[in-house]
Amino acid sequence: MKSQYRILFGFGALLLAVSLACGGSAAPTAVPTSIPTAIPLPTNPPPPTEEAQQQTQDQGQQGTSDMVLFTDENGLFSFELPGDWLYDHGTGDNYYYDRFSSPNQLGFVENIVYNDGTAFVKSQKGQFALNLLNNLYSATGQVGDIKVTGDQLQNDGSERLEWESKSGGYSGLSFFETRGDDNATFLMLTTWWDNGVDQATYDTIMNAISTYRIP
């Protein structure tokens, strides 16, 4: 899984570098269909790694359905989720992610942080977000499965994408933004739910969004 993320982000960094070299005016580049799906299908989240389980314990997240506060390792964000949601954390070249999956595997919340030291300019962050959607969250791992049904700028400067998988039978919301004086840190918070999700799991996902804060 981590190696697949590494392939994707290496490609994303290449796209960003090419766009910068062209002054940010290059036309959006379609994601090649040869890039593999970057994570297992969302309906089958991977089990937590030993490293992730230890970090979960350190955060006080394990063994309780009570709401607990998760804070990013670099203090970039925090949000609330039940302590019994399965946690996974991974790192690679210039990125890391934190994923929380519901015990019934009908939904998850995941945040990705990427920074290779290069500033995002103009529409680059939007194209980068679409590349992630198409490769990380589509049922096929290719362009065309994910359909963006809504796109809104938020008061905090982030952008909100509503989307659905045509063939996967699930939907999601993604919020992306850049941070820092150099505008080089890219964050994307994604919430995913199966179309047959129960109300309690859906409400928990919406609560994570509503409690999202910068510490």
N, C-alpha and C. Protein backbone atom coordinates (compact mmCIF):
# COMPACT_ATOMS: atom_id res chain seq x y z
N MET A 1 0.82 -1.20 0.00
CA MET A 1 0.00 0.00 0.00
C MET A 1 0.85 1.24 0.00
N LYS A 2 1.86 1.29 0.85
CA LYS A 2 2.72 2.47 0.91
C LYS A 2 3.48 2.65 -0.39
N SER A 3 3.90 1.54 -1.02
CA SER A 3 4.62 1.66 -2.28
C SER A 3 3.71 2.20 -3.37
N GLN A 4 2.41 1.84 -3.32
CA GLN A 4 1.48 2.36 -4.31
C GLN A 4 1.26 3.84 -4.12
N TYR A 5 1.17 4.30 -2.88
CA TYR A 5 1.09 5.74 -2.62
C TYR A 5 2.33 6.42 -3.19
N ARG A 6 3.50 5.80 -2.99
CA ARG A 6 4.75 6.41 -3.45
C ARG A 6 4.76 6.59 -4.96
N ILE A 7 4.23 5.59 -5.70
CA ILE A 7 4.13 5.70 -7.15
C ILE A 7 3.26 6.89 -7.54
N LEU A 8 2.11 7.01 -6.87
CA LEU A 8 1.19 8.09 -7.19
C LEU A 8 1.78 9.45 -6.91
N PHE A 9 2.38 9.61 -5.73
CA PHE A 9 2.88 10.92 -5.38
C PHE A 9 4.13 11.28 -6.17
N GLY A 10 4.90 10.28 -6.58
CA GLY A 10 6.01 10.57 -7.48
C GLY A 10 5.51 11.12 -8.79
N PHE A 11 4.41 10.53 -9.29
CA PHE A 11 3.82 11.03 -10.52
C PHE A 11 3.24 12.43 -10.31
N GLY A 12 2.59 12.64 -9.15
CA GLY A 12 2.02 13.95 -8.87
C GLY A 12 3.09 15.03 -8.80
N ALA A 13 4.22 14.70 -8.20
CA ALA A 13 5.31 15.67 -8.12
C ALA A 13 5.83 16.01 -9.51
N LEU A 14 5.87 15.00 -10.40
CA LEU A 14 6.31 15.24 -11.77
C LEU A 14 5.35 16.17 -12.49
N LEU A 15 4.04 15.95 -12.32
CA LEU A 15 3.06 16.83 -12.93
C LEU A 15 3.23 18.26 -12.44
N LEU A 16 3.44 18.42 -11.13
CA LEU A 16 3.59 19.74 -10.55
C LEU A 16 4.83 20.43 -11.09
N ALA A 17 5.94 19.70 -11.20
CA ALA A 17 7.17 20.28 -11.71
C ALA A 17 7.02 20.72 -13.15
N VAL A 18 6.35 19.91 -13.97
CA VAL A 18 6.14 20.28 -15.36
C VAL A 18 5.28 21.53 -15.47
N SER A 19 4.24 21.59 -14.63
CA SER A 19 3.36 22.76 -14.65
C SER A 19 4.10 24.02 -14.24
N LEU A 20 4.97 23.91 -13.23
CA LEU A 20 5.75 25.06 -12.81
C LEU A 20 6.71 25.51 -13.89
N ALA A 21 7.30 24.55 -14.57
CA ALA A 21 8.25 24.88 -15.63
C ALA A 21 7.57 25.64 -16.76
N CYS A 22 6.27 25.40 -16.93
CA CYS A 22 5.51 26.07 -17.99
C CYS A 22 4.83 27.33 -17.47
N GLY A 23 5.22 27.77 -16.29
CA GLY A 23 4.64 28.98 -15.74
C GLY A 23 3.23 28.81 -15.24
N GLY A 24 2.82 27.54 -15.01
CA GLY A 24 1.48 27.29 -14.48
C GLY A 24 0.40 27.39 -15.53
N SER A 25 0.78 27.52 -16.82
CA SER A 25 -0.21 27.72 -17.86
C SER A 25 -0.50 26.46 -18.66
N ALA A 26 0.14 25.36 -18.29
CA ALA A 26 -0.05 24.12 -19.04
C ALA A 26 -1.47 23.61 -18.86
N ALA A 27 -2.00 22.98 -19.90
CA ALA A 27 -3.33 22.40 -19.82
C ALA A 27 -3.30 21.22 -18.87
N PRO A 28 -4.43 20.96 -18.16
CA PRO A 28 -4.47 19.82 -17.25
C PRO A 28 -4.09 18.54 -17.97
N THR A 29 -3.29 17.72 -17.32
CA THR A 29 -2.82 16.47 -17.90
C THR A 29 -3.64 15.31 -17.37
N ALA A 30 -4.19 14.51 -18.27
CA ALA A 30 -4.97 13.35 -17.85
C ALA A 30 -4.05 12.33 -17.18
N VAL A 31 -4.56 11.67 -16.16
CA VAL A 31 -3.78 10.66 -15.47
C VAL A 31 -3.70 9.41 -16.32
N PRO A 32 -2.51 8.91 -16.64
CA PRO A 32 -2.38 7.70 -17.46
C PRO A 32 -3.09 6.52 -16.83
N THR A 33 -3.71 5.70 -17.66
CA THR A 33 -4.44 4.55 -17.13
C THR A 33 -3.51 3.46 -16.63
N SER A 34 -2.20 3.60 -16.86
CA SER A 34 -1.26 2.58 -16.42
C SER A 34 -0.93 2.68 -14.94
N ILE A 35 -1.27 3.80 -14.31
CA ILE A 35 -1.01 3.95 -12.88
C ILE A 35 -1.98 3.05 -12.10
N PRO A 36 -1.48 2.20 -11.22
CA PRO A 36 -2.36 1.27 -10.50
C PRO A 36 -3.21 1.98 -9.45
N THR A 37 -4.27 1.33 -9.02
CA THR A 37 -5.05 1.84 -7.91
C THR A 37 -4.14 2.02 -6.71
N ALA A 38 -4.18 3.19 -6.09
CA ALA A 38 -3.18 3.52 -5.07
C ALA A 38 -3.48 2.90 -3.72
N ILE A 39 -4.73 2.52 -3.48
CA ILE A 39 -5.07 1.85 -2.23
C ILE A 39 -6.10 0.77 -2.55
N PRO A 40 -6.30 -0.21 -1.66
CA PRO A 40 -7.36 -1.20 -1.89
C PRO A 40 -8.71 -0.50 -2.01
N LEU A 41 -9.68 -1.17 -2.62
CA LEU A 41 -11.00 -0.57 -2.75
C LEU A 41 -11.51 -0.15 -1.38
N PRO A 42 -12.15 1.03 -1.29
CA PRO A 42 -12.59 1.53 0.01
C PRO A 42 -13.50 0.60 0.78
N THR A 43 -14.20 -0.33 0.10
CA THR A 43 -15.08 -1.26 0.82
C THR A 43 -14.30 -2.31 1.60
N ASN A 44 -12.98 -2.32 1.45
CA ASN A 44 -12.16 -3.31 2.15
C ASN A 44 -10.90 -2.64 2.70
N PRO A 45 -11.06 -1.74 3.71
CA PRO A 45 -9.90 -1.03 4.24
C PRO A 45 -8.88 -1.99 4.81
N PRO A 46 -7.59 -1.67 4.69
CA PRO A 46 -6.55 -2.55 5.21
C PRO A 46 -6.53 -2.57 6.73
N PRO A 47 -6.06 -3.65 7.35
CA PRO A 47 -5.97 -3.68 8.81
C PRO A 47 -4.90 -2.71 9.29
N PRO A 48 -5.02 -2.17 10.50
CA PRO A 48 -4.01 -1.25 11.01
C PRO A 48 -2.65 -1.92 11.13
N THR A 49 -1.60 -1.21 10.80
CA THR A 49 -0.25 -1.72 11.00
C THR A 49 0.11 -1.63 12.48
N GLU A 50 1.19 -2.32 12.89
CA GLU A 50 1.61 -2.25 14.29
C GLU A 50 1.96 -0.82 14.66
N GLU A 51 2.61 -0.10 13.73
CA GLU A 51 2.95 1.30 13.99
C GLU A 51 1.70 2.13 14.20
N ALA A 52 0.67 1.90 13.37
CA ALA A 52 -0.57 2.65 13.49
C ALA A 52 -1.29 2.34 14.79
N GLN A 53 -1.28 1.04 15.18
CA GLN A 53 -1.94 0.66 16.43
C GLN A 53 -1.28 1.35 17.62
N GLN A 54 0.05 1.43 17.61
CA GLN A 54 0.75 2.08 18.70
C GLN A 54 0.42 3.57 18.75
N GLN A 55 0.37 4.21 17.57
CA GLN A 55 0.03 5.63 17.55
C GLN A 55 -1.40 5.85 18.00
N THR A 56 -2.29 4.91 17.65
CA THR A 56 -3.67 4.98 18.10
C THR A 56 -3.73 4.95 19.62
N GLN A 57 -2.96 4.04 20.24
CA GLN A 57 -2.94 3.97 21.69
C GLN A 57 -2.38 5.25 22.30
N ASP A 58 -1.34 5.79 21.67
CA ASP A 58 -0.74 7.02 22.17
C ASP A 58 -1.73 8.17 22.13
N GLN A 59 -2.62 8.18 21.14
CA GLN A 59 -3.61 9.25 21.01
C GLN A 59 -4.83 8.99 21.88
N GLY A 60 -4.88 7.83 22.57
CA GLY A 60 -6.04 7.51 23.39
C GLY A 60 -7.26 7.14 22.56
N GLN A 61 -7.05 6.49 21.39
CA GLN A 61 -8.11 6.26 20.44
C GLN A 61 -8.73 4.86 20.52
N GLN A 62 -8.20 3.96 21.32
CA GLN A 62 -8.57 2.55 21.17
C GLN A 62 -9.56 2.08 22.21
N GLY A 63 -10.51 1.24 21.77
CA GLY A 63 -11.35 0.49 22.69
C GLY A 63 -12.55 1.22 23.23
N THR A 64 -12.92 2.36 22.68
CA THR A 64 -14.08 3.08 23.17
C THR A 64 -14.82 3.70 22.01
N SER A 65 -16.16 3.74 22.11
CA SER A 65 -16.96 4.38 21.09
C SER A 65 -17.17 5.86 21.39
N ASP A 66 -16.64 6.34 22.52
CA ASP A 66 -16.74 7.76 22.85
C ASP A 66 -15.93 8.58 21.86
N MET A 67 -16.35 9.82 21.66
CA MET A 67 -15.63 10.71 20.76
C MET A 67 -14.29 11.10 21.38
N VAL A 68 -13.26 11.03 20.57
CA VAL A 68 -11.92 11.46 21.00
C VAL A 68 -11.36 12.40 19.94
N LEU A 69 -10.41 13.21 20.34
CA LEU A 69 -9.83 14.21 19.45
C LEU A 69 -8.54 13.68 18.85
N PHE A 70 -8.47 13.65 17.53
CA PHE A 70 -7.24 13.30 16.83
C PHE A 70 -6.58 14.59 16.37
N THR A 71 -5.27 14.70 16.64
CA THR A 71 -4.49 15.87 16.21
C THR A 71 -3.35 15.41 15.32
N ASP A 72 -3.23 16.06 14.18
CA ASP A 72 -2.17 15.74 13.23
C ASP A 72 -0.80 15.85 13.89
N GLU A 73 0.13 15.00 13.47
CA GLU A 73 1.47 14.96 14.08
C GLU A 73 2.23 16.27 13.95
N ASN A 74 1.89 17.09 12.98
CA ASN A 74 2.54 18.39 12.80
C ASN A 74 1.64 19.55 13.20
N GLY A 75 0.53 19.23 13.86
CA GLY A 75 -0.37 20.27 14.33
C GLY A 75 -1.08 21.02 13.23
N LEU A 76 -1.29 20.37 12.09
CA LEU A 76 -1.94 21.03 10.96
C LEU A 76 -3.46 21.03 11.07
N PHE A 77 -4.02 20.05 11.79
CA PHE A 77 -5.47 19.94 11.89
C PHE A 77 -5.83 19.01 13.04
N SER A 78 -7.09 19.05 13.41
CA SER A 78 -7.63 18.09 14.38
C SER A 78 -9.11 17.89 14.07
N PHE A 79 -9.65 16.75 14.47
CA PHE A 79 -11.08 16.49 14.36
C PHE A 79 -11.44 15.37 15.32
N GLU A 80 -12.75 15.18 15.53
CA GLU A 80 -13.24 14.19 16.48
C GLU A 80 -13.84 12.98 15.77
N LEU A 81 -13.50 11.80 16.29
CA LEU A 81 -14.04 10.54 15.80
C LEU A 81 -14.16 9.56 16.97
N PRO A 82 -15.00 8.53 16.84
CA PRO A 82 -15.08 7.53 17.92
C PRO A 82 -13.75 6.79 18.08
N GLY A 83 -13.43 6.44 19.30
CA GLY A 83 -12.17 5.78 19.57
C GLY A 83 -12.07 4.37 19.03
N ASP A 84 -13.19 3.76 18.65
CA ASP A 84 -13.13 2.39 18.15
C ASP A 84 -13.05 2.32 16.62
N TRP A 85 -12.90 3.44 15.96
CA TRP A 85 -12.68 3.41 14.52
C TRP A 85 -11.25 2.95 14.24
N LEU A 86 -11.07 2.12 13.22
CA LEU A 86 -9.75 1.55 12.90
C LEU A 86 -8.85 2.63 12.31
N TYR A 87 -7.63 2.67 12.80
CA TYR A 87 -6.70 3.73 12.41
C TYR A 87 -5.51 3.16 11.63
N ASP A 88 -5.12 3.88 10.58
CA ASP A 88 -3.92 3.51 9.83
C ASP A 88 -3.16 4.78 9.47
N HIS A 89 -1.84 4.69 9.55
CA HIS A 89 -0.96 5.83 9.26
C HIS A 89 0.15 5.35 8.35
N GLY A 90 0.47 6.13 7.33
CA GLY A 90 1.53 5.75 6.42
C GLY A 90 2.32 6.96 5.96
N THR A 91 3.57 6.73 5.58
CA THR A 91 4.43 7.81 5.11
C THR A 91 5.15 7.38 3.84
N GLY A 92 5.63 8.34 3.09
CA GLY A 92 6.42 8.09 1.90
C GLY A 92 7.21 9.33 1.56
N ASP A 93 7.77 9.37 0.37
CA ASP A 93 8.54 10.53 -0.05
C ASP A 93 7.63 11.74 -0.14
N ASN A 94 7.81 12.69 0.77
CA ASN A 94 7.12 13.99 0.74
C ASN A 94 5.65 13.93 1.16
N TYR A 95 5.17 12.82 1.70
CA TYR A 95 3.76 12.77 2.08
C TYR A 95 3.56 11.85 3.28
N TYR A 96 2.40 12.00 3.93
CA TYR A 96 1.92 11.03 4.91
C TYR A 96 0.40 11.11 4.93
N TYR A 97 -0.23 10.06 5.47
CA TYR A 97 -1.69 10.03 5.54
C TYR A 97 -2.13 9.44 6.87
N ASP A 98 -3.33 9.82 7.28
CA ASP A 98 -4.00 9.27 8.46
C ASP A 98 -5.40 8.86 8.03
N ARG A 99 -5.74 7.59 8.25
CA ARG A 99 -7.06 7.10 7.86
C ARG A 99 -7.76 6.47 9.05
N PHE A 100 -9.05 6.80 9.20
CA PHE A 100 -9.91 6.22 10.21
C PHE A 100 -11.09 5.54 9.51
N SER A 101 -11.24 4.23 9.71
CA SER A 101 -12.30 3.46 9.05
C SER A 101 -13.33 3.01 10.09
N SER A 102 -14.60 3.07 9.73
CA SER A 102 -15.65 2.63 10.65
C SER A 102 -15.55 1.13 10.88
N PRO A 103 -15.93 0.66 12.05
CA PRO A 103 -15.86 -0.78 12.35
C PRO A 103 -16.64 -1.63 11.35
N ASN A 104 -17.75 -1.09 10.80
CA ASN A 104 -18.54 -1.85 9.83
C ASN A 104 -18.02 -1.69 8.40
N GLN A 105 -16.94 -0.91 8.23
CA GLN A 105 -16.28 -0.70 6.95
C GLN A 105 -17.18 -0.06 5.90
N LEU A 106 -18.17 0.71 6.36
CA LEU A 106 -19.07 1.41 5.44
C LEU A 106 -18.69 2.87 5.25
N GLY A 107 -17.60 3.29 5.88
CA GLY A 107 -17.16 4.67 5.71
C GLY A 107 -15.78 4.87 6.28
N PHE A 108 -15.11 5.92 5.83
CA PHE A 108 -13.83 6.29 6.42
C PHE A 108 -13.57 7.78 6.25
N VAL A 109 -12.62 8.26 7.05
CA VAL A 109 -12.14 9.64 6.98
C VAL A 109 -10.62 9.57 6.82
N GLU A 110 -10.09 10.26 5.84
CA GLU A 110 -8.65 10.20 5.59
C GLU A 110 -8.12 11.58 5.26
N ASN A 111 -6.98 11.91 5.84
CA ASN A 111 -6.30 13.16 5.49
C ASN A 111 -4.93 12.85 4.93
N ILE A 112 -4.59 13.52 3.82
CA ILE A 112 -3.30 13.38 3.17
C ILE A 112 -2.58 14.72 3.23
N VAL A 113 -1.30 14.68 3.60
CA VAL A 113 -0.45 15.87 3.63
C VAL A 113 0.72 15.64 2.69
N TYR A 114 0.94 16.57 1.78
CA TYR A 114 2.02 16.44 0.80
C TYR A 114 2.82 17.75 0.74
N ASN A 115 4.15 17.63 0.74
CA ASN A 115 5.01 18.80 0.62
C ASN A 115 6.37 18.35 0.09
N ASP A 116 6.69 18.78 -1.13
CA ASP A 116 8.00 18.49 -1.70
C ASP A 116 8.86 19.75 -1.79
N GLY A 117 8.39 20.82 -1.11
CA GLY A 117 9.14 22.07 -1.10
C GLY A 117 8.81 22.99 -2.25
N THR A 118 7.92 22.58 -3.15
CA THR A 118 7.55 23.39 -4.30
C THR A 118 6.20 24.05 -4.06
N ALA A 119 6.12 25.35 -4.28
CA ALA A 119 4.88 26.08 -4.06
C ALA A 119 3.83 25.71 -5.11
N PHE A 120 2.58 25.59 -4.67
CA PHE A 120 1.46 25.40 -5.59
C PHE A 120 0.99 26.78 -6.05
N VAL A 121 0.80 26.94 -7.34
CA VAL A 121 0.32 28.21 -7.87
C VAL A 121 -0.87 27.98 -8.78
N LYS A 122 -1.71 29.03 -8.91
CA LYS A 122 -2.86 29.03 -9.81
C LYS A 122 -3.72 27.79 -9.59
N SER A 123 -3.98 27.05 -10.65
CA SER A 123 -4.92 25.93 -10.56
C SER A 123 -4.25 24.60 -10.26
N GLN A 124 -2.97 24.62 -9.90
CA GLN A 124 -2.25 23.36 -9.70
C GLN A 124 -2.84 22.52 -8.58
N LYS A 125 -3.27 23.16 -7.49
CA LYS A 125 -3.78 22.36 -6.38
C LYS A 125 -5.09 21.67 -6.76
N GLY A 126 -5.91 22.32 -7.61
CA GLY A 126 -7.13 21.69 -8.06
C GLY A 126 -6.86 20.46 -8.91
N GLN A 127 -5.88 20.57 -9.81
CA GLN A 127 -5.53 19.43 -10.66
C GLN A 127 -4.91 18.31 -9.83
N PHE A 128 -4.09 18.69 -8.84
CA PHE A 128 -3.48 17.69 -7.97
C PHE A 128 -4.56 16.94 -7.19
N ALA A 129 -5.57 17.67 -6.70
CA ALA A 129 -6.67 17.04 -5.97
C ALA A 129 -7.43 16.07 -6.86
N LEU A 130 -7.69 16.44 -8.11
CA LEU A 130 -8.39 15.56 -9.03
C LEU A 130 -7.57 14.30 -9.33
N ASN A 131 -6.25 14.46 -9.45
CA ASN A 131 -5.39 13.29 -9.66
C ASN A 131 -5.52 12.32 -8.50
N LEU A 132 -5.54 12.85 -7.27
CA LEU A 132 -5.69 12.00 -6.10
C LEU A 132 -7.04 11.29 -6.09
N LEU A 133 -8.10 12.03 -6.41
CA LEU A 133 -9.43 11.42 -6.45
C LEU A 133 -9.46 10.25 -7.44
N ASN A 134 -8.93 10.49 -8.62
CA ASN A 134 -9.00 9.47 -9.67
C ASN A 134 -8.15 8.24 -9.36
N ASN A 135 -7.07 8.43 -8.63
CA ASN A 135 -6.15 7.32 -8.39
C ASN A 135 -6.33 6.65 -7.03
N LEU A 136 -6.71 7.42 -6.04
CA LEU A 136 -6.84 6.86 -4.70
C LEU A 136 -8.24 6.35 -4.38
N TYR A 137 -9.26 7.01 -4.91
CA TYR A 137 -10.61 6.74 -4.44
C TYR A 137 -11.58 6.21 -5.50
N SER A 138 -11.14 6.03 -6.73
CA SER A 138 -12.04 5.47 -7.73
C SER A 138 -12.06 3.95 -7.61
N ALA A 139 -13.13 3.34 -8.08
CA ALA A 139 -13.24 1.88 -8.04
C ALA A 139 -12.31 1.22 -9.04
N THR A 140 -11.93 1.97 -10.07
CA THR A 140 -11.09 1.42 -11.13
C THR A 140 -9.65 1.91 -11.07
N GLY A 141 -9.38 3.00 -10.33
CA GLY A 141 -8.05 3.58 -10.30
C GLY A 141 -7.74 4.36 -11.56
N GLN A 142 -8.77 4.68 -12.34
CA GLN A 142 -8.57 5.38 -13.60
C GLN A 142 -9.51 6.57 -13.71
N VAL A 143 -9.17 7.48 -14.62
CA VAL A 143 -10.02 8.63 -14.90
C VAL A 143 -11.35 8.16 -15.48
N GLY A 144 -12.45 8.75 -15.01
CA GLY A 144 -13.75 8.43 -15.56
C GLY A 144 -14.70 7.80 -14.56
N ASP A 145 -14.17 7.11 -13.54
CA ASP A 145 -15.04 6.48 -12.56
C ASP A 145 -15.59 7.50 -11.57
N ILE A 146 -14.76 8.41 -11.13
CA ILE A 146 -15.19 9.43 -10.18
C ILE A 146 -15.88 10.57 -10.92
N LYS A 147 -17.09 10.90 -10.51
CA LYS A 147 -17.83 12.02 -11.07
C LYS A 147 -17.98 13.09 -10.00
N VAL A 148 -17.41 14.28 -10.25
CA VAL A 148 -17.54 15.40 -9.32
C VAL A 148 -18.89 16.06 -9.55
N THR A 149 -19.73 16.08 -8.53
CA THR A 149 -21.08 16.61 -8.64
C THR A 149 -21.23 17.99 -8.03
N GLY A 150 -20.22 18.46 -7.31
CA GLY A 150 -20.28 19.78 -6.71
C GLY A 150 -18.89 20.29 -6.38
N ASP A 151 -18.69 21.60 -6.52
CA ASP A 151 -17.38 22.22 -6.27
C ASP A 151 -17.64 23.59 -5.68
N GLN A 152 -17.22 23.77 -4.41
CA GLN A 152 -17.49 25.04 -3.73
C GLN A 152 -16.27 25.52 -2.97
N LEU A 153 -16.00 26.83 -3.05
CA LEU A 153 -14.98 27.44 -2.23
C LEU A 153 -15.54 27.66 -0.83
N GLN A 154 -14.72 27.39 0.19
CA GLN A 154 -15.15 27.53 1.58
C GLN A 154 -14.62 28.82 2.19
N ASN A 155 -15.24 29.23 3.28
CA ASN A 155 -14.83 30.48 3.93
C ASN A 155 -13.39 30.47 4.42
N ASP A 156 -12.88 29.27 4.74
CA ASP A 156 -11.50 29.18 5.24
C ASP A 156 -10.47 29.11 4.12
N GLY A 157 -10.91 29.21 2.87
CA GLY A 157 -9.99 29.18 1.74
C GLY A 157 -9.81 27.82 1.10
N SER A 158 -10.37 26.77 1.72
CA SER A 158 -10.29 25.44 1.13
C SER A 158 -11.35 25.30 0.04
N GLU A 159 -11.26 24.21 -0.71
CA GLU A 159 -12.24 23.93 -1.77
C GLU A 159 -12.89 22.59 -1.47
N ARG A 160 -14.20 22.54 -1.64
CA ARG A 160 -15.00 21.36 -1.31
C ARG A 160 -15.48 20.68 -2.58
N LEU A 161 -15.17 19.40 -2.72
CA LEU A 161 -15.61 18.61 -3.86
C LEU A 161 -16.60 17.54 -3.40
N GLU A 162 -17.77 17.51 -3.99
CA GLU A 162 -18.71 16.41 -3.80
C GLU A 162 -18.52 15.46 -4.97
N TRP A 163 -18.47 14.16 -4.70
CA TRP A 163 -18.21 13.23 -5.78
C TRP A 163 -18.86 11.88 -5.52
N GLU A 164 -18.93 11.08 -6.57
CA GLU A 164 -19.46 9.72 -6.44
C GLU A 164 -18.72 8.82 -7.41
N SER A 165 -18.66 7.54 -7.07
CA SER A 165 -18.06 6.55 -7.95
C SER A 165 -19.17 5.93 -8.79
N LYS A 166 -19.02 5.98 -10.11
CA LYS A 166 -20.06 5.46 -11.00
C LYS A 166 -20.24 3.96 -10.84
N SER A 167 -19.14 3.24 -10.67
CA SER A 167 -19.21 1.78 -10.63
C SER A 167 -19.04 1.20 -9.24
N GLY A 168 -18.57 1.99 -8.28
CA GLY A 168 -18.25 1.46 -6.97
C GLY A 168 -19.39 1.45 -5.98
N GLY A 169 -20.44 2.26 -6.24
CA GLY A 169 -21.56 2.30 -5.31
C GLY A 169 -21.25 3.05 -4.02
N TYR A 170 -20.44 4.11 -4.12
CA TYR A 170 -20.13 4.92 -2.94
C TYR A 170 -19.94 6.37 -3.34
N SER A 171 -19.95 7.23 -2.33
CA SER A 171 -19.84 8.67 -2.54
C SER A 171 -18.87 9.27 -1.55
N GLY A 172 -18.55 10.55 -1.71
CA GLY A 172 -17.62 11.17 -0.78
C GLY A 172 -17.58 12.68 -0.90
N LEU A 173 -16.90 13.27 0.06
CA LEU A 173 -16.59 14.70 0.08
C LEU A 173 -15.09 14.84 0.28
N SER A 174 -14.46 15.74 -0.45
CA SER A 174 -13.04 16.02 -0.26
C SER A 174 -12.85 17.52 -0.12
N PHE A 175 -12.03 17.91 0.84
CA PHE A 175 -11.69 19.31 1.05
C PHE A 175 -10.17 19.45 0.87
N PHE A 176 -9.74 20.35 0.00
CA PHE A 176 -8.30 20.50 -0.20
C PHE A 176 -7.89 21.97 -0.10
N GLU A 177 -6.64 22.16 0.29
CA GLU A 177 -6.09 23.51 0.48
C GLU A 177 -4.59 23.43 0.52
N THR A 178 -3.94 24.58 0.50
CA THR A 178 -2.50 24.65 0.72
C THR A 178 -2.24 25.53 1.93
N ARG A 179 -1.15 25.25 2.61
CA ARG A 179 -0.78 25.97 3.83
C ARG A 179 0.67 26.45 3.76
N GLY A 180 0.99 27.36 4.67
CA GLY A 180 2.36 27.84 4.81
C GLY A 180 2.62 29.11 4.01
N ASP A 181 3.60 29.88 4.47
CA ASP A 181 3.97 31.10 3.76
C ASP A 181 4.46 30.80 2.34
N ASP A 182 5.04 29.63 2.16
CA ASP A 182 5.54 29.26 0.83
C ASP A 182 4.48 28.55 -0.01
N ASN A 183 3.28 28.31 0.56
CA ASN A 183 2.17 27.69 -0.17
C ASN A 183 2.54 26.32 -0.73
N ALA A 184 3.40 25.61 0.00
CA ALA A 184 3.91 24.33 -0.51
C ALA A 184 3.31 23.11 0.17
N THR A 185 2.59 23.29 1.27
CA THR A 185 1.99 22.15 1.97
C THR A 185 0.56 21.95 1.49
N PHE A 186 0.32 20.81 0.88
CA PHE A 186 -1.00 20.48 0.34
C PHE A 186 -1.70 19.51 1.30
N LEU A 187 -2.94 19.82 1.65
CA LEU A 187 -3.74 18.95 2.51
C LEU A 187 -5.03 18.60 1.79
N MET A 188 -5.45 17.35 1.92
CA MET A 188 -6.76 16.95 1.41
C MET A 188 -7.42 16.02 2.41
N LEU A 189 -8.55 16.46 2.93
CA LEU A 189 -9.38 15.65 3.83
C LEU A 189 -10.48 15.02 3.00
N THR A 190 -10.59 13.71 3.03
CA THR A 190 -11.60 13.00 2.26
C THR A 190 -12.46 12.15 3.19
N THR A 191 -13.76 12.25 3.01
CA THR A 191 -14.70 11.38 3.70
C THR A 191 -15.40 10.52 2.65
N TRP A 192 -15.54 9.24 2.94
CA TRP A 192 -16.09 8.26 2.01
C TRP A 192 -17.15 7.45 2.72
N TRP A 193 -18.25 7.14 2.00
CA TRP A 193 -19.26 6.27 2.58
C TRP A 193 -19.92 5.44 1.49
N ASP A 194 -20.23 4.19 1.83
CA ASP A 194 -20.97 3.30 0.95
C ASP A 194 -22.38 3.86 0.79
N ASN A 195 -22.98 3.67 -0.38
CA ASN A 195 -24.33 4.20 -0.62
C ASN A 195 -25.36 3.56 0.30
N GLY A 196 -25.03 2.41 0.89
CA GLY A 196 -25.93 1.77 1.84
C GLY A 196 -25.55 2.02 3.29
N VAL A 197 -24.80 3.08 3.54
CA VAL A 197 -24.31 3.36 4.89
C VAL A 197 -25.46 3.59 5.87
N ASP A 198 -25.28 3.17 7.11
CA ASP A 198 -26.27 3.44 8.14
C ASP A 198 -26.16 4.88 8.61
N GLN A 199 -27.23 5.38 9.22
CA GLN A 199 -27.29 6.79 9.62
C GLN A 199 -26.22 7.14 10.65
N ALA A 200 -25.95 6.22 11.58
CA ALA A 200 -24.99 6.50 12.64
C ALA A 200 -23.59 6.72 12.06
N THR A 201 -23.19 5.87 11.12
CA THR A 201 -21.87 6.02 10.51
C THR A 201 -21.79 7.30 9.71
N TYR A 202 -22.84 7.60 8.96
CA TYR A 202 -22.88 8.85 8.17
C TYR A 202 -22.79 10.07 9.08
N ASP A 203 -23.53 10.05 10.18
CA ASP A 203 -23.50 11.18 11.11
C ASP A 203 -22.11 11.36 11.72
N THR A 204 -21.44 10.25 11.99
CA THR A 204 -20.09 10.31 12.55
C THR A 204 -19.12 10.96 11.56
N ILE A 205 -19.26 10.61 10.28
CA ILE A 205 -18.43 11.21 9.24
C ILE A 205 -18.68 12.70 9.15
N MET A 206 -19.95 13.10 9.18
CA MET A 206 -20.27 14.53 9.11
C MET A 206 -19.76 15.26 10.35
N ASN A 207 -19.75 14.57 11.49
CA ASN A 207 -19.23 15.19 12.71
C ASN A 207 -17.73 15.45 12.60
N ALA A 208 -17.01 14.54 11.95
CA ALA A 208 -15.58 14.76 11.74
C ALA A 208 -15.34 16.02 10.94
N ILE A 209 -16.19 16.25 9.94
CA ILE A 209 -16.05 17.47 9.12
C ILE A 209 -16.37 18.70 9.96
N SER A 210 -17.45 18.64 10.72
CA SER A 210 -17.87 19.82 11.47
C SER A 210 -16.92 20.17 12.60
N THR A 211 -16.16 19.18 13.10
CA THR A 211 -15.22 19.44 14.20
C THR A 211 -13.79 19.70 13.70
N TYR A 212 -13.58 19.69 12.40
CA TYR A 212 -12.24 19.91 11.84
C TYR A 212 -11.77 21.32 12.19
N ARG A 213 -10.58 21.38 12.79
CA ARG A 213 -10.02 22.65 13.26
C ARG A 213 -8.52 22.68 13.03
N ILE A 214 -7.97 23.88 13.01
CA ILE A 214 -6.51 24.06 13.08
C ILE A 214 -6.19 24.29 14.55
N PRO A 215 -5.44 23.39 15.17
CA PRO A 215 -5.16 23.50 16.63
C PRO A 215 -4.53 24.85 17.01
